[in-house]
Protein backbone atom coordinates (compact mmCIF):
# COMPACT_ATOMS: atom_id res chain seq x y z
CA MET A 1 71.99 93.95 94.82
CA ALA A 2 69.85 94.95 97.80
CA LYS A 3 71.03 97.63 100.16
CA LYS A 4 72.34 96.22 103.36
CA THR A 5 70.97 98.13 106.39
CA ARG A 6 71.23 98.00 110.14
CA ARG A 7 69.01 100.05 112.33
CA GLY A 8 70.09 103.70 111.80
CA GLN A 9 73.06 102.77 109.58
CA ARG A 10 73.85 101.86 105.92
CA GLN A 11 76.70 100.03 104.44
CA CYS A 12 78.95 101.50 101.83
CA PRO A 13 79.13 99.31 98.61
CA LYS A 14 82.72 100.28 97.94
CA CYS A 15 84.54 99.82 101.30
CA ASN A 16 81.80 97.88 103.17
CA ALA A 17 82.07 100.35 106.07
CA TRP A 18 78.94 100.97 108.10
CA VAL A 19 77.92 104.61 108.06
CA ARG A 20 75.79 106.18 110.79
CA GLY A 21 72.52 107.70 109.77
CA THR A 22 70.13 106.36 107.13
CA ARG A 23 70.14 109.79 105.41
CA ALA A 24 73.91 109.91 105.07
CA LYS A 25 74.91 111.24 101.62
CA ALA A 26 78.53 110.13 101.56
CA CYS A 27 80.81 107.52 103.11
CA PRO A 28 83.45 109.31 105.29
CA LYS A 29 86.13 106.69 104.44
CA CYS A 30 85.88 106.46 100.57
CA ASN A 31 83.63 109.40 99.90
CA HIS A 32 81.15 107.13 97.95
CA GLN A 33 77.92 109.12 97.31
CA PHE A 34 74.93 107.27 98.35
CA ASN A 35 72.46 109.28 96.21
CA GLY A 36 74.02 108.03 92.95
CA LYS A 37 76.25 111.00 92.25
CA GLN A 38 80.03 110.35 92.57
CA ALA A 39 82.17 113.00 94.19
CA THR A 40 84.43 115.06 91.97
CA VAL A 41 88.14 114.49 92.46
CA SER A 42 89.79 117.67 93.62
CA ALA A 43 93.40 118.62 93.18
CA PRO A 44 95.53 117.63 96.23
CA GLU A 45 96.40 120.44 98.62
CA PRO A 46 99.95 121.75 98.33
CA VAL A 47 102.56 120.34 100.70
CA ALA A 48 103.80 122.71 103.38
CA ALA A 49 107.17 122.96 101.72
CA GLU A 50 105.53 124.13 98.44
CA LYS A 51 103.70 127.08 100.16
CA LYS A 52 105.26 130.43 99.69
CA ALA A 53 107.38 131.46 102.60
CA THR A 54 107.91 135.06 103.54
CA VAL A 55 111.43 135.89 104.80
CA THR A 56 111.94 138.94 106.90
CA PHE A 57 115.04 141.17 106.79
CA GLU A 58 115.69 140.37 110.47
CA GLN A 59 115.78 136.64 109.60
CA VAL A 60 118.21 137.26 106.84
CA LYS A 61 120.47 139.34 109.13
CA ALA A 62 120.33 136.49 111.70
CA VAL A 63 121.35 133.88 109.28
CA ALA A 64 124.20 136.12 107.99
CA GLN A 65 125.47 136.65 111.42
CA THR A 66 125.31 132.84 112.18
CA VAL A 67 127.28 132.12 108.96
CA LYS A 68 129.95 134.62 110.05
CA VAL A 69 130.12 133.10 113.59
CA ILE A 70 130.33 129.45 112.41
CA GLY A 71 132.95 130.27 109.79
CA GLY A 72 131.25 130.15 106.39
CA PHE A 73 128.53 128.44 104.36
CA ASP A 74 130.50 125.16 104.13
CA ARG A 75 130.61 124.86 107.91
CA LEU A 76 126.92 125.79 108.25
CA ASN A 77 126.05 123.06 105.67
CA GLU A 78 128.14 120.60 107.74
CA LEU A 79 126.25 121.59 110.79
CA LEU A 80 122.84 121.17 109.10
CA GLY A 81 123.92 117.77 107.85
CA LEU A 82 124.94 116.84 111.36
CA VAL A 83 121.49 117.99 112.73
CA LYS A 84 119.85 115.81 110.12
CA GLU A 85 122.00 112.69 110.99
CA VAL A 86 121.27 113.09 114.77
CA GLY A 87 117.52 113.00 113.98
CA GLY A 88 116.31 116.58 113.95
CA LEU A 89 116.54 119.75 115.79
CA ARG A 90 114.81 118.53 118.99
CA LYS A 91 117.26 115.60 119.30
CA MET A 92 120.24 117.80 118.63
CA LYS A 93 119.03 120.22 121.32
CA GLU A 94 118.56 117.40 123.82
CA LEU A 95 122.04 116.14 122.87
CA LEU A 96 123.58 119.46 123.40
CA GLU A 97 121.95 119.91 126.75
CA ALA A 98 123.05 116.59 127.95
CA MET A 99 126.60 117.31 126.92
CA SER A 100 126.63 120.79 128.67
CA ALA A 101 125.30 119.25 131.86
CA ALA A 102 128.13 116.69 132.04
């Protein structure tokens, strides 16, 4: 099959996308290599939750104090569940601000 070309562009045989530059080495959408070499598949990057988190002593103290003020871990878990049901921390904050203004 002959290469399809436009002036200053070339078409990817995999996804049919037009790529700027006649000397382009790879398609930005599907990473097809135009010079005949296929790109190696790399391992996916770790998700933010999988990254190691460092916890400071001050953070531990703050959480312990919050648990004491709220009345235990069960109540804290109920509060976190409520925040999740509302739709996140931002929505919970907006809701609390609206309730305090009234």
